[in-house]
Protein backbone atom coordinates (compact mmCIF):
# COMPACT_ATOMS: atom_id res chain seq x y z
CA UNK A 1 -12.73 -0.57 -14.02
CA UNK A 2 -13.97 -3.14 -11.40
CA UNK A 3 -15.05 -2.39 -7.84
CA UNK A 4 -13.36 -3.69 -4.67
CA UNK A 5 -13.21 -3.40 -1.01
CA UNK A 6 -10.62 -0.81 0.40
CA UNK A 7 -9.61 -0.23 3.66
CA UNK A 8 -9.92 3.85 4.98
CA UNK A 9 -9.37 5.59 8.30
CA UNK A 10 -11.33 9.07 9.26
CA UNK A 11 -9.22 12.03 10.17
CA UNK A 12 -11.93 13.41 12.18
CA UNK A 13 -13.80 10.35 14.06
CA UNK A 14 -11.34 7.95 13.88
CA UNK A 15 -13.68 5.59 11.88
CA UNK A 16 -11.94 2.71 10.47
CA UNK A 17 -13.71 0.09 7.80
CA UNK A 18 -13.85 -0.89 4.15
CA UNK A 19 -15.24 0.92 1.64
CA UNK A 20 -16.55 -0.40 -2.18
CA UNK A 21 -14.98 1.52 -4.75
CA UNK A 22 -13.72 1.72 -8.33
CA UNK A 23 -10.18 0.51 -8.71
CA UNK A 24 -7.82 2.37 -8.67
CA UNK A 25 -9.15 3.25 -5.43
CA UNK A 26 -8.76 7.10 -4.73
CA UNK A 27 -6.69 7.83 -1.64
CA UNK A 28 -9.26 9.70 -0.04
CA UNK A 29 -13.00 9.65 0.76
CA UNK A 30 -15.78 10.92 2.46
CA UNK A 31 -16.21 9.18 6.10
CA UNK A 32 -19.34 7.25 5.80
CA UNK A 33 -19.88 7.81 9.34
CA UNK A 34 -19.05 11.83 9.92
CA UNK A 35 -18.38 13.15 6.42
CA UNK A 36 -14.84 14.27 7.08
CA UNK A 37 -11.97 13.14 5.20
CA UNK A 38 -11.17 9.33 5.38
CA UNK A 39 -7.34 8.35 4.06
CA UNK A 40 -7.11 5.20 2.21
CA UNK A 41 -5.02 2.46 4.41
CA UNK A 42 -2.69 -0.19 2.93
CA UNK A 43 -2.61 -3.09 5.02
CA UNK A 44 -1.02 -6.42 4.60
CA UNK A 45 -4.66 -7.89 3.62
CA UNK A 46 -4.81 -5.32 0.70
CA UNK A 47 -1.67 -5.64 -0.85
CA UNK A 48 -2.16 -9.59 -0.77
CA UNK A 49 -5.69 -9.24 -2.77
CA UNK A 50 -5.78 -10.51 -6.23
CA UNK A 51 -7.28 -8.75 -9.23
CA UNK A 52 -7.21 -9.55 -12.64
CA UNK A 53 -8.20 -6.28 -13.87
CA UNK A 54 -5.30 -4.81 -12.21
CA UNK A 55 -3.11 -7.12 -13.83
CA UNK A 56 -3.85 -5.84 -17.16
CA UNK A 57 -2.34 -2.17 -16.53
CA UNK A 58 0.69 -3.68 -14.60
CA UNK A 59 4.12 -4.44 -15.83
CA UNK A 60 4.87 -7.36 -17.47
CA UNK A 61 4.89 -9.95 -15.36
CA UNK A 62 5.98 -8.65 -11.65
CA UNK A 63 4.96 -9.56 -8.30
CA UNK A 64 1.26 -9.25 -6.86
CA UNK A 65 2.53 -5.97 -5.32
CA UNK A 66 3.76 -4.88 -8.80
CA UNK A 67 0.49 -5.97 -10.65
CA UNK A 68 -1.81 -3.97 -7.89
CA UNK A 69 0.17 -0.99 -7.27
CA UNK A 70 1.13 -0.35 -10.97
CA UNK A 71 0.86 3.53 -10.05
CA UNK A 72 4.05 3.30 -7.69
CA UNK A 73 6.84 4.40 -9.46
CA UNK A 74 9.93 2.07 -8.84
CA UNK A 75 7.71 -0.49 -6.81
CA UNK A 76 9.26 -3.69 -8.86
CA UNK A 77 12.63 -2.52 -8.13
CA UNK A 78 12.60 -2.79 -4.11
CA UNK A 79 12.88 -5.94 -2.29
CA UNK A 80 9.36 -7.41 -0.59
CA UNK A 81 10.28 -6.10 2.79
CA UNK A 82 10.56 -2.39 1.25
CA UNK A 83 7.04 -2.10 -0.43
CA UNK A 84 4.83 -1.49 1.78
CA UNK A 85 6.49 1.69 2.87
CA UNK A 86 6.82 2.72 -0.42
CA UNK A 87 3.23 1.70 -1.28
CA UNK A 88 2.06 3.97 1.78
CA UNK A 89 4.32 7.01 1.16
CA UNK A 90 3.04 7.32 -2.77
CA UNK A 91 -0.35 7.20 -1.48
CA UNK A 92 -0.36 9.64 1.11
CA UNK A 93 -1.10 7.24 3.98
CA UNK A 94 0.68 8.68 7.08
CA UNK A 95 -0.32 6.47 9.84
CA UNK A 96 0.87 3.20 7.61
CA UNK A 97 3.91 4.95 6.65
CA UNK A 98 5.14 5.93 10.09
CA UNK A 99 4.11 2.49 11.80
CA UNK A 100 6.30 0.96 8.84
CA UNK A 101 9.21 3.27 9.30
CA UNK A 102 9.20 2.62 13.28
CA UNK A 103 9.02 -1.15 12.20
CA UNK A 104 12.00 -1.34 9.96
CA UNK A 105 14.04 1.18 12.58
CA UNK A 106 13.47 -1.36 15.51
CA UNK A 107 14.34 -4.49 13.28
CA UNK A 108 17.69 -1.97 11.99
CA UNK A 109 18.58 -1.75 15.71
CA UNK A 110 18.13 -5.28 16.62
CA UNK A 111 19.75 -6.54 13.48
CA UNK A 112 22.02 -3.83 12.00
CA UNK A 113 21.73 -3.36 8.14
CA UNK A 114 19.89 -5.40 5.60
CA UNK A 115 22.00 -6.85 3.26
CA UNK A 116 21.35 -5.31 -0.56
CA UNK A 117 19.66 -8.27 -1.92
CA UNK A 118 16.97 -7.33 0.83
CA UNK A 119 16.54 -4.14 -0.35
CA UNK A 120 16.80 -3.94 -4.09
CA UNK A 121 15.08 -6.39 -6.27
CA UNK A 122 13.78 -6.56 -9.74
CA UNK A 123 10.55 -8.53 -10.57
CA UNK A 124 9.94 -7.97 -14.05
């Protein structure tokens, strides 16, 4: 297993920062500031990181999201616009999931329903 930087946010003191952890990163860590539970956050930067060690356990081909989040069921079968919410939901990252739901709701209210090809995809 390799080690990488992952984003976390503390539920106690609201500390936000990166933790150097084994991959795959645990959804929860002890907060380095106060010791309370810190939950992993899934940011756009985190989704764009490349990791050759993760590529070995991911589905053949696939997008970078699929390769880096091989444990998220169905990820390779949804369009890129829907992946961030699915990853956050799977990991229990409530803050990111709720923010993504709000973003998608605003977009729906402005533009109406998305075309099917913007929701479903197959990348491997």
